[in-house]
């Protein structure tokens, strides 16, 4: 987890952030400097659930709320990343949008 130390608004409407993150968080980027997304777990306001199925509930599914399903196709591969914090796990799924 990190903290925004400073934010500066540029003339073109973009914002430059100065952030502080733990070394482990920085290493998760694997040197990538583009296609970075910033989010706060405090901004999450849509609830969902995990569905357990199969023998001894060994299969687990993240349920996508109906409001978020419009542009999801099931025919493509989905990328996933697990971010482990001290008290929480954050799962990030990357899904290509279908063209409407």
PDB file of N, CA and C in Angstrom:
ATOM      1  N   UNK A   1       0.838  -1.169   0.000  1.00  0.00           N
ATOM      2  CA  UNK A   1       0.000   0.000   0.000  1.00  0.00           C
ATOM      3  C   UNK A   1       0.885   1.235   0.000  1.00  0.00           C
ATOM      4  N   UNK A   2       0.343   2.297  -0.518  1.00  0.00           N
ATOM      5  CA  UNK A   2       1.127   3.514  -0.625  1.00  0.00           C
ATOM      6  C   UNK A   2       0.358   4.736  -0.158  1.00  0.00           C
ATOM      7  N   UNK A   3       1.026   5.868  -0.253  1.00  0.00           N
ATOM      8  CA  UNK A   3       0.448   7.146   0.137  1.00  0.00           C
ATOM      9  C   UNK A   3       0.849   8.193  -0.894  1.00  0.00           C
ATOM     10  N   UNK A   4      -0.088   9.061  -1.263  1.00  0.00           N
ATOM     11  CA  UNK A   4       0.230  10.186  -2.145  1.00  0.00           C
ATOM     12  C   UNK A   4       0.815  11.288  -1.278  1.00  0.00           C
ATOM     13  N   UNK A   5       2.029  11.682  -1.604  1.00  0.00           N
ATOM     14  CA  UNK A   5       2.707  12.721  -0.832  1.00  0.00           C
ATOM     15  C   UNK A   5       2.411  14.116  -1.355  1.00  0.00           C
ATOM     16  N   UNK A   6       2.225  14.216  -2.700  1.00  0.00           N
ATOM     17  CA  UNK A   6       2.045  15.515  -3.316  1.00  0.00           C
ATOM     18  C   UNK A   6       1.288  15.326  -4.624  1.00  0.00           C
ATOM     19  N   UNK A   7       0.472  16.290  -4.979  1.00  0.00           N
ATOM     20  CA  UNK A   7      -0.234  16.279  -6.255  1.00  0.00           C
ATOM     21  C   UNK A   7      -0.135  17.666  -6.876  1.00  0.00           C
ATOM     22  N   UNK A   8       0.147  17.694  -8.182  1.00  0.00           N
ATOM     23  CA  UNK A   8       0.287  18.972  -8.884  1.00  0.00           C
ATOM     24  C   UNK A   8      -0.536  18.910 -10.166  1.00  0.00           C
ATOM     25  N   UNK A   9      -1.429  19.868 -10.360  1.00  0.00           N
ATOM     26  CA  UNK A   9      -2.260  19.945 -11.561  1.00  0.00           C
ATOM     27  C   UNK A   9      -1.491  20.656 -12.663  1.00  0.00           C
ATOM     28  N   UNK A  10      -1.395  20.005 -13.823  1.00  0.00           N
ATOM     29  CA  UNK A  10      -0.715  20.593 -14.974  1.00  0.00           C
ATOM     30  C   UNK A  10      -1.696  21.386 -15.821  1.00  0.00           C
ATOM     31  N   UNK A  11      -1.184  22.222 -16.706  1.00  0.00           N
ATOM     32  CA  UNK A  11      -2.030  23.064 -17.559  1.00  0.00           C
ATOM     33  C   UNK A  11      -2.918  22.243 -18.496  1.00  0.00           C
ATOM     34  N   UNK A  12      -2.457  21.059 -18.888  1.00  0.00           N
ATOM     35  CA  UNK A  12      -3.238  20.226 -19.816  1.00  0.00           C
ATOM     36  C   UNK A  12      -4.300  19.390 -19.103  1.00  0.00           C
ATOM     37  N   UNK A  13      -4.489  19.608 -17.799  1.00  0.00           N
ATOM     38  CA  UNK A  13      -5.521  18.903 -17.048  1.00  0.00           C
ATOM     39  C   UNK A  13      -5.040  17.605 -16.417  1.00  0.00           C
ATOM     40  N   UNK A  14      -3.807  17.215 -16.670  1.00  0.00           N
ATOM     41  CA  UNK A  14      -3.261  16.010 -16.052  1.00  0.00           C
ATOM     42  C   UNK A  14      -2.743  16.346 -14.662  1.00  0.00           C
ATOM     43  N   UNK A  15      -2.579  15.308 -13.842  1.00  0.00           N
ATOM     44  CA  UNK A  15      -2.100  15.482 -12.477  1.00  0.00           C
ATOM     45  C   UNK A  15      -0.813  14.682 -12.306  1.00  0.00           C
ATOM     46  N   UNK A  16       0.197  15.309 -11.727  1.00  0.00           N
ATOM     47  CA  UNK A  16       1.445  14.634 -11.403  1.00  0.00           C
ATOM     48  C   UNK A  16       1.399  14.291  -9.918  1.00  0.00           C
ATOM     49  N   UNK A  17       1.532  12.988  -9.607  1.00  0.00           N
ATOM     50  CA  UNK A  17       1.538  12.525  -8.222  1.00  0.00           C
ATOM     51  C   UNK A  17       2.949  12.159  -7.798  1.00  0.00           C
ATOM     52  N   UNK A  18       3.289  12.495  -6.570  1.00  0.00           N
ATOM     53  CA  UNK A  18       4.481  11.968  -5.926  1.00  0.00           C
ATOM     54  C   UNK A  18       3.962  10.965  -4.906  1.00  0.00           C
ATOM     55  N   UNK A  19       4.356   9.695  -5.063  1.00  0.00           N
ATOM     56  CA  UNK A  19       3.824   8.659  -4.183  1.00  0.00           C
ATOM     57  C   UNK A  19       4.957   7.973  -3.426  1.00  0.00           C
ATOM     58  N   UNK A  20       4.599   7.404  -2.287  1.00  0.00           N
ATOM     59  CA  UNK A  20       5.534   6.633  -1.477  1.00  0.00           C
ATOM     60  C   UNK A  20       4.932   5.247  -1.297  1.00  0.00           C
ATOM     61  N   UNK A  21       5.666   4.209  -1.715  1.00  0.00           N
ATOM     62  CA  UNK A  21       5.202   2.829  -1.564  1.00  0.00           C
ATOM     63  C   UNK A  21       6.301   1.993  -0.939  1.00  0.00           C
ATOM     64  N   UNK A  22       5.916   0.869  -0.347  1.00  0.00           N
ATOM     65  CA  UNK A  22       6.897  -0.069   0.182  1.00  0.00           C
ATOM     66  C   UNK A  22       7.703  -0.660  -0.966  1.00  0.00           C
ATOM     67  N   UNK A  23       8.888  -1.134  -0.653  1.00  0.00           N
ATOM     68  CA  UNK A  23       9.757  -1.717  -1.664  1.00  0.00           C
ATOM     69  C   UNK A  23       9.058  -2.876  -2.394  1.00  0.00           C
ATOM     70  N   UNK A  24       8.334  -3.719  -1.652  1.00  0.00           N
ATOM     71  CA  UNK A  24       7.637  -4.856  -2.248  1.00  0.00           C
ATOM     72  C   UNK A  24       6.599  -4.398  -3.278  1.00  0.00           C
ATOM     73  N   UNK A  25       5.912  -3.312  -2.966  1.00  0.00           N
ATOM     74  CA  UNK A  25       4.914  -2.755  -3.887  1.00  0.00           C
ATOM     75  C   UNK A  25       5.591  -2.279  -5.170  1.00  0.00           C
ATOM     76  N   UNK A  26       6.728  -1.623  -5.038  1.00  0.00           N
ATOM     77  CA  UNK A  26       7.464  -1.141  -6.212  1.00  0.00           C
ATOM     78  C   UNK A  26       7.976  -2.310  -7.052  1.00  0.00           C
ATOM     79  N   UNK A  27       8.407  -3.372  -6.406  1.00  0.00           N
ATOM     80  CA  UNK A  27       8.918  -4.536  -7.130  1.00  0.00           C
ATOM     81  C   UNK A  27       7.827  -5.249  -7.930  1.00  0.00           C
ATOM     82  N   UNK A  28       6.572  -5.156  -7.476  1.00  0.00           N
ATOM     83  CA  UNK A  28       5.450  -5.787  -8.204  1.00  0.00           C
ATOM     84  C   UNK A  28       5.266  -5.201  -9.601  1.00  0.00           C
ATOM     85  N   UNK A  29       5.737  -3.975  -9.819  1.00  0.00           N
ATOM     86  CA  UNK A  29       5.624  -3.358 -11.146  1.00  0.00           C
ATOM     87  C   UNK A  29       6.583  -3.990 -12.154  1.00  0.00           C
ATOM     88  N   UNK A  30       7.545  -4.754 -11.655  1.00  0.00           N
ATOM     89  CA  UNK A  30       8.511  -5.462 -12.500  1.00  0.00           C
ATOM     90  C   UNK A  30       9.187  -4.535 -13.503  1.00  0.00           C
ATOM     91  N   UNK A  31       9.448  -3.308 -13.067  1.00  0.00           N
ATOM     92  CA  UNK A  31      10.148  -2.345 -13.912  1.00  0.00           C
ATOM     93  C   UNK A  31       9.271  -1.598 -14.898  1.00  0.00           C
ATOM     94  N   UNK A  32       7.992  -1.924 -14.983  1.00  0.00           N
ATOM     95  CA  UNK A  32       7.103  -1.248 -15.929  1.00  0.00           C
ATOM     96  C   UNK A  32       6.813   0.171 -15.460  1.00  0.00           C
ATOM     97  N   UNK A  33       6.852   1.114 -16.411  1.00  0.00           N
ATOM     98  CA  UNK A  33       6.636   2.518 -16.094  1.00  0.00           C
ATOM     99  C   UNK A  33       5.417   3.092 -16.824  1.00  0.00           C
ATOM    100  N   UNK A  34       4.730   2.293 -17.632  1.00  0.00           N
ATOM    101  CA  UNK A  34       3.545   2.742 -18.367  1.00  0.00           C
ATOM    102  C   UNK A  34       2.364   1.830 -18.029  1.00  0.00           C
ATOM    103  N   UNK A  35       1.167   2.288 -18.400  1.00  0.00           N
ATOM    104  CA  UNK A  35      -0.076   1.558 -18.123  1.00  0.00           C
ATOM    105  C   UNK A  35      -0.229   1.273 -16.635  1.00  0.00           C
ATOM    106  N   UNK A  36       0.071   2.259 -15.832  1.00  0.00           N
ATOM    107  CA  UNK A  36      -0.051   2.183 -14.379  1.00  0.00           C
ATOM    108  C   UNK A  36      -1.415   2.743 -13.992  1.00  0.00           C
ATOM    109  N   UNK A  37      -2.120   2.038 -13.126  1.00  0.00           N
ATOM    110  CA  UNK A  37      -3.430   2.478 -12.642  1.00  0.00           C
ATOM    111  C   UNK A  37      -3.331   2.682 -11.134  1.00  0.00           C
ATOM    112  N   UNK A  38      -3.892   3.773 -10.650  1.00  0.00           N
ATOM    113  CA  UNK A  38      -3.887   4.059  -9.223  1.00  0.00           C
ATOM    114  C   UNK A  38      -5.313   3.900  -8.707  1.00  0.00           C
ATOM    115  N   UNK A  39      -5.469   3.183  -7.605  1.00  0.00           N
ATOM    116  CA  UNK A  39      -6.794   3.061  -6.992  1.00  0.00           C
ATOM    117  C   UNK A  39      -6.629   3.050  -5.482  1.00  0.00           C
ATOM    118  N   UNK A  40      -7.708   3.343  -4.803  1.00  0.00           N
ATOM    119  CA  UNK A  40      -7.734   3.297  -3.350  1.00  0.00           C
ATOM    120  C   UNK A  40      -8.800   2.313  -2.918  1.00  0.00           C
ATOM    121  N   UNK A  41      -8.459   1.426  -2.003  1.00  0.00           N
ATOM    122  CA  UNK A  41      -9.471   0.489  -1.510  1.00  0.00           C
ATOM    123  C   UNK A  41     -10.582   1.235  -0.778  1.00  0.00           C
ATOM    124  N   UNK A  42     -10.302   2.448  -0.317  1.00  0.00           N
ATOM    125  CA  UNK A  42     -11.324   3.246   0.360  1.00  0.00           C
ATOM    126  C   UNK A  42     -12.383   3.771  -0.613  1.00  0.00           C
ATOM    127  N   UNK A  43     -12.064   3.793  -1.913  1.00  0.00           N
ATOM    128  CA  UNK A  43     -13.014   4.292  -2.910  1.00  0.00           C
ATOM    129  C   UNK A  43     -13.961   3.196  -3.395  1.00  0.00           C
ATOM    130  N   UNK A  44     -13.733   1.956  -3.007  1.00  0.00           N
ATOM    131  CA  UNK A  44     -14.598   0.848  -3.437  1.00  0.00           C
ATOM    132  C   UNK A  44     -15.953   0.976  -2.762  1.00  0.00           C
ATOM    133  N   UNK A  45     -17.007   1.007  -3.591  1.00  0.00           N
ATOM    134  CA  UNK A  45     -18.348   1.183  -3.028  1.00  0.00           C
ATOM    135  C   UNK A  45     -19.356   0.149  -3.534  1.00  0.00           C
ATOM    136  N   UNK A  46     -18.937  -0.769  -4.393  1.00  0.00           N
ATOM    137  CA  UNK A  46     -19.833  -1.778  -4.929  1.00  0.00           C
ATOM    138  C   UNK A  46     -19.505  -3.118  -4.284  1.00  0.00           C
ATOM    139  N   UNK A  47     -20.505  -3.741  -3.685  1.00  0.00           N
ATOM    140  CA  UNK A  47     -20.280  -5.006  -2.992  1.00  0.00           C
ATOM    141  C   UNK A  47     -20.496  -6.182  -3.939  1.00  0.00           C
ATOM    142  N   UNK A  48     -19.798  -7.259  -3.673  1.00  0.00           N
ATOM    143  CA  UNK A  48     -19.938  -8.493  -4.421  1.00  0.00           C
ATOM    144  C   UNK A  48     -19.679  -9.644  -3.461  1.00  0.00           C
ATOM    145  N   UNK A  49     -19.594 -10.853  -4.015  1.00  0.00           N
ATOM    146  CA  UNK A  49     -19.367 -12.025  -3.184  1.00  0.00           C
ATOM    147  C   UNK A  49     -18.446 -12.998  -3.906  1.00  0.00           C
ATOM    148  N   UNK A  50     -17.999 -13.988  -3.154  1.00  0.00           N
ATOM    149  CA  UNK A  50     -17.276 -15.118  -3.727  1.00  0.00           C
ATOM    150  C   UNK A  50     -18.186 -16.317  -3.595  1.00  0.00           C
ATOM    151  N   UNK A  51     -18.377 -17.046  -4.703  1.00  0.00           N
ATOM    152  CA  UNK A  51     -19.217 -18.240  -4.712  1.00  0.00           C
ATOM    153  C   UNK A  51     -18.318 -19.464  -4.594  1.00  0.00           C
ATOM    154  N   UNK A  52     -18.694 -20.394  -3.721  1.00  0.00           N
ATOM    155  CA  UNK A  52     -17.926 -21.615  -3.510  1.00  0.00           C
ATOM    156  C   UNK A  52     -18.693 -22.786  -4.117  1.00  0.00           C
ATOM    157  N   UNK A  53     -18.021 -23.604  -4.920  1.00  0.00           N
ATOM    158  CA  UNK A  53     -18.652 -24.731  -5.595  1.00  0.00           C
ATOM    159  C   UNK A  53     -17.738 -25.949  -5.526  1.00  0.00           C
ATOM    160  N   UNK A  54     -18.305 -27.092  -5.847  1.00  0.00           N
ATOM    161  CA  UNK A  54     -17.519 -28.310  -5.987  1.00  0.00           C
ATOM    162  C   UNK A  54     -17.278 -29.041  -4.684  1.00  0.00           C
ATOM    163  N   UNK A  55     -16.527 -30.131  -4.808  1.00  0.00           N
ATOM    164  CA  UNK A  55     -16.225 -30.974  -3.664  1.00  0.00           C
ATOM    165  C   UNK A  55     -15.417 -30.181  -2.642  1.00  0.00           C
ATOM    166  N   UNK A  56     -15.901 -30.165  -1.418  1.00  0.00           N
ATOM    167  CA  UNK A  56     -15.273 -29.413  -0.323  1.00  0.00           C
ATOM    168  C   UNK A  56     -15.113 -27.925  -0.650  1.00  0.00           C
ATOM    169  N   UNK A  57     -16.000 -27.428  -1.514  1.00  0.00           N
ATOM    170  CA  UNK A  57     -15.985 -26.011  -1.922  1.00  0.00           C
ATOM    171  C   UNK A  57     -14.594 -25.582  -2.402  1.00  0.00           C
ATOM    172  N   UNK A  58     -13.960 -26.463  -3.175  1.00  0.00           N
ATOM    173  CA  UNK A  58     -12.594 -26.219  -3.646  1.00  0.00           C
ATOM    174  C   UNK A  58     -12.531 -25.195  -4.772  1.00  0.00           C
ATOM    175  N   UNK A  59     -13.636 -25.001  -5.511  1.00  0.00           N
ATOM    176  CA  UNK A  59     -13.659 -24.035  -6.606  1.00  0.00           C
ATOM    177  C   UNK A  59     -14.291 -22.741  -6.103  1.00  0.00           C
ATOM    178  N   UNK A  60     -13.595 -21.639  -6.339  1.00  0.00           N
ATOM    179  CA  UNK A  60     -14.081 -20.335  -5.870  1.00  0.00           C
ATOM    180  C   UNK A  60     -14.231 -19.397  -7.057  1.00  0.00           C
ATOM    181  N   UNK A  61     -15.370 -18.679  -7.117  1.00  0.00           N
ATOM    182  CA  UNK A  61     -15.651 -17.748  -8.200  1.00  0.00           C
ATOM    183  C   UNK A  61     -15.875 -16.357  -7.624  1.00  0.00           C
ATOM    184  N   UNK A  62     -15.239 -15.356  -8.242  1.00  0.00           N
ATOM    185  CA  UNK A  62     -15.561 -13.970  -7.916  1.00  0.00           C
ATOM    186  C   UNK A  62     -16.796 -13.612  -8.733  1.00  0.00           C
ATOM    187  N   UNK A  63     -17.854 -13.154  -8.083  1.00  0.00           N
ATOM    188  CA  UNK A  63     -19.083 -12.792  -8.777  1.00  0.00           C
ATOM    189  C   UNK A  63     -19.019 -11.329  -9.207  1.00  0.00           C
ATOM    190  N   UNK A  64     -19.291 -11.090 -10.484  1.00  0.00           N
ATOM    191  CA  UNK A  64     -19.259  -9.732 -11.025  1.00  0.00           C
ATOM    192  C   UNK A  64     -20.663  -9.147 -10.908  1.00  0.00           C
ATOM    193  N   UNK A  65     -20.816  -7.996 -10.246  1.00  0.00           N
ATOM    194  CA  UNK A  65     -22.144  -7.387 -10.125  1.00  0.00           C
ATOM    195  C   UNK A  65     -22.765  -7.109 -11.495  1.00  0.00           C
ATOM    196  N   UNK A  66     -24.080  -7.212 -11.584  1.00  0.00           N
ATOM    197  CA  UNK A  66     -24.802  -7.046 -12.855  1.00  0.00           C
ATOM    198  C   UNK A  66     -24.484  -5.723 -13.535  1.00  0.00           C
ATOM    199  N   UNK A  67     -24.346  -4.670 -12.754  1.00  0.00           N
ATOM    200  CA  UNK A  67     -24.063  -3.344 -13.329  1.00  0.00           C
ATOM    201  C   UNK A  67     -22.718  -3.284 -14.053  1.00  0.00           C
ATOM    202  N   UNK A  68     -21.823  -4.213 -13.766  1.00  0.00           N
ATOM    203  CA  UNK A  68     -20.485  -4.192 -14.355  1.00  0.00           C
ATOM    204  C   UNK A  68     -20.294  -5.216 -15.474  1.00  0.00           C
ATOM    205  N   UNK A  69     -21.331  -5.954 -15.840  1.00  0.00           N
ATOM    206  CA  UNK A  69     -21.199  -7.050 -16.804  1.00  0.00           C
ATOM    207  C   UNK A  69     -21.380  -6.650 -18.258  1.00  0.00           C
ATOM    208  N   UNK A  70     -21.801  -5.438 -18.552  1.00  0.00           N
ATOM    209  CA  UNK A  70     -22.212  -5.048 -19.903  1.00  0.00           C
ATOM    210  C   UNK A  70     -21.157  -5.276 -20.970  1.00  0.00           C
ATOM    211  N   UNK A  71     -19.899  -5.001 -20.680  1.00  0.00           N
ATOM    212  CA  UNK A  71     -18.869  -5.077 -21.710  1.00  0.00           C
ATOM    213  C   UNK A  71     -17.964  -6.299 -21.548  1.00  0.00           C
ATOM    214  N   UNK A  72     -18.423  -7.299 -20.824  1.00  0.00           N
ATOM    215  CA  UNK A  72     -17.590  -8.481 -20.589  1.00  0.00           C
ATOM    216  C   UNK A  72     -17.966  -9.591 -21.561  1.00  0.00           C
ATOM    217  N   UNK A  73     -16.947 -10.146 -22.201  1.00  0.00           N
ATOM    218  CA  UNK A  73     -17.128 -11.298 -23.063  1.00  0.00           C
ATOM    219  C   UNK A  73     -16.460 -12.502 -22.394  1.00  0.00           C
ATOM    220  N   UNK A  74     -17.006 -13.672 -22.569  1.00  0.00           N
ATOM    221  CA  UNK A  74     -16.427 -14.854 -21.926  1.00  0.00           C
ATOM    222  C   UNK A  74     -15.499 -15.623 -22.857  1.00  0.00           C
ATOM    223  N   UNK A  75     -15.292 -15.134 -24.053  1.00  0.00           N
ATOM    224  CA  UNK A  75     -14.504 -15.859 -25.048  1.00  0.00           C
ATOM    225  C   UNK A  75     -13.014 -15.517 -25.011  1.00  0.00           C
ATOM    226  N   UNK A  76     -12.621 -14.553 -24.227  1.00  0.00           N
ATOM    227  CA  UNK A  76     -11.238 -14.094 -24.210  1.00  0.00           C
ATOM    228  C   UNK A  76     -10.561 -14.491 -22.898  1.00  0.00           C
ATOM    229  N   UNK A  77      -9.232 -14.554 -22.947  1.00  0.00           N
ATOM    230  CA  UNK A  77      -8.483 -14.795 -21.721  1.00  0.00           C
ATOM    231  C   UNK A  77      -8.536 -13.561 -20.829  1.00  0.00           C
ATOM    232  N   UNK A  78      -8.443 -13.790 -19.555  1.00  0.00           N
ATOM    233  CA  UNK A  78      -8.456 -12.722 -18.568  1.00  0.00           C
ATOM    234  C   UNK A  78      -7.130 -12.767 -17.828  1.00  0.00           C
ATOM    235  N   UNK A  79      -6.518 -11.615 -17.616  1.00  0.00           N
ATOM    236  CA  UNK A  79      -5.286 -11.543 -16.833  1.00  0.00           C
ATOM    237  C   UNK A  79      -5.644 -11.271 -15.375  1.00  0.00           C
ATOM    238  N   UNK A  80      -4.859 -11.802 -14.470  1.00  0.00           N
ATOM    239  CA  UNK A  80      -5.145 -11.637 -13.053  1.00  0.00           C
ATOM    240  C   UNK A  80      -3.841 -11.404 -12.291  1.00  0.00           C
ATOM    241  N   UNK A  81      -3.953 -10.611 -11.242  1.00  0.00           N
ATOM    242  CA  UNK A  81      -2.811 -10.348 -10.378  1.00  0.00           C
ATOM    243  C   UNK A  81      -3.316 -10.286  -8.943  1.00  0.00           C
ATOM    244  N   UNK A  82      -2.568 -10.873  -8.033  1.00  0.00           N
ATOM    245  CA  UNK A  82      -2.919 -10.826  -6.613  1.00  0.00           C
ATOM    246  C   UNK A  82      -1.899  -9.944  -5.898  1.00  0.00           C
ATOM    247  N   UNK A  83      -2.391  -8.942  -5.208  1.00  0.00           N
ATOM    248  CA  UNK A  83      -1.560  -8.049  -4.416  1.00  0.00           C
ATOM    249  C   UNK A  83      -1.798  -8.384  -2.950  1.00  0.00           C
ATOM    250  N   UNK A  84      -0.744  -8.728  -2.233  1.00  0.00           N
ATOM    251  CA  UNK A  84      -0.896  -9.113  -0.840  1.00  0.00           C
ATOM    252  C   UNK A  84      -0.424  -7.985   0.073  1.00  0.00           C
ATOM    253  N   UNK A  85      -1.332  -7.510   0.900  1.00  0.00           N
ATOM    254  CA  UNK A  85      -1.004  -6.506   1.906  1.00  0.00           C
ATOM    255  C   UNK A  85      -0.976  -7.212   3.265  1.00  0.00           C
ATOM    256  N   UNK A  86      -0.696  -6.478   4.305  1.00  0.00           N
ATOM    257  CA  UNK A  86      -0.574  -7.086   5.635  1.00  0.00           C
ATOM    258  C   UNK A  86      -1.884  -7.737   6.090  1.00  0.00           C
ATOM    259  N   UNK A  87      -3.009  -7.052   5.869  1.00  0.00           N
ATOM    260  CA  UNK A  87      -4.287  -7.556   6.370  1.00  0.00           C
ATOM    261  C   UNK A  87      -5.300  -7.868   5.276  1.00  0.00           C
ATOM    262  N   UNK A  88      -4.958  -7.612   3.997  1.00  0.00           N
ATOM    263  CA  UNK A  88      -5.920  -7.808   2.914  1.00  0.00           C
ATOM    264  C   UNK A  88      -5.220  -8.329   1.679  1.00  0.00           C
ATOM    265  N   UNK A  89      -5.976  -9.039   0.855  1.00  0.00           N
ATOM    266  CA  UNK A  89      -5.515  -9.417  -0.476  1.00  0.00           C
ATOM    267  C   UNK A  89      -6.346  -8.641  -1.484  1.00  0.00           C
ATOM    268  N   UNK A  90      -5.700  -8.138  -2.528  1.00  0.00           N
ATOM    269  CA  UNK A  90      -6.384  -7.403  -3.587  1.00  0.00           C
ATOM    270  C   UNK A  90      -6.194  -8.202  -4.875  1.00  0.00           C
ATOM    271  N   UNK A  91      -7.301  -8.565  -5.513  1.00  0.00           N
ATOM    272  CA  UNK A  91      -7.250  -9.282  -6.777  1.00  0.00           C
ATOM    273  C   UNK A  91      -7.606  -8.316  -7.893  1.00  0.00           C
ATOM    274  N   UNK A  92      -6.771  -8.252  -8.911  1.00  0.00           N
ATOM    275  CA  UNK A  92      -6.998  -7.369 -10.050  1.00  0.00           C
ATOM    276  C   UNK A  92      -7.176  -8.250 -11.278  1.00  0.00           C
ATOM    277  N   UNK A  93      -8.325  -8.118 -11.939  1.00  0.00           N
ATOM    278  CA  UNK A  93      -8.592  -8.853 -13.180  1.00  0.00           C
ATOM    279  C   UNK A  93      -8.596  -7.858 -14.332  1.00  0.00           C
ATOM    280  N   UNK A  94      -7.944  -8.205 -15.437  1.00  0.00           N
ATOM    281  CA  UNK A  94      -7.905  -7.342 -16.620  1.00  0.00           C
ATOM    282  C   UNK A  94      -8.659  -8.060 -17.718  1.00  0.00           C
ATOM    283  N   UNK A  95      -9.776  -7.448 -18.160  1.00  0.00           N
ATOM    284  CA  UNK A  95     -10.673  -8.054 -19.137  1.00  0.00           C
ATOM    285  C   UNK A  95     -10.819  -7.113 -20.318  1.00  0.00           C
ATOM    286  N   UNK A  96     -10.593  -7.614 -21.547  1.00  0.00           N
ATOM    287  CA  UNK A  96     -10.826  -6.797 -22.741  1.00  0.00           C
ATOM    288  C   UNK A  96     -12.314  -6.510 -22.898  1.00  0.00           C
ATOM    289  N   UNK A  97     -12.655  -5.277 -23.272  1.00  0.00           N
ATOM    290  CA  UNK A  97     -14.041  -4.904 -23.527  1.00  0.00           C
ATOM    291  C   UNK A  97     -14.460  -5.422 -24.893  1.00  0.00           C
ATOM    292  N   UNK A  98     -15.753  -5.780 -24.999  1.00  0.00           N
ATOM    293  CA  UNK A  98     -16.265  -6.141 -26.320  1.00  0.00           C
ATOM    294  C   UNK A  98     -16.635  -4.853 -27.027  1.00  0.00           C
ATOM    295  N   UNK A  99     -16.563  -4.869 -28.345  1.00  0.00           N
ATOM    296  CA  UNK A  99     -16.927  -3.671 -29.113  1.00  0.00           C
ATOM    297  C   UNK A  99     -18.416  -3.718 -29.413  1.00  0.00           C
ATOM    298  N   UNK A 100     -19.089  -2.675 -28.972  1.00  0.00           N
ATOM    299  CA  UNK A 100     -20.552  -2.596 -29.174  1.00  0.00           C
ATOM    300  C   UNK A 100     -20.852  -1.720 -30.363  1.00  0.00           C
TER     301      UNK A 100
END
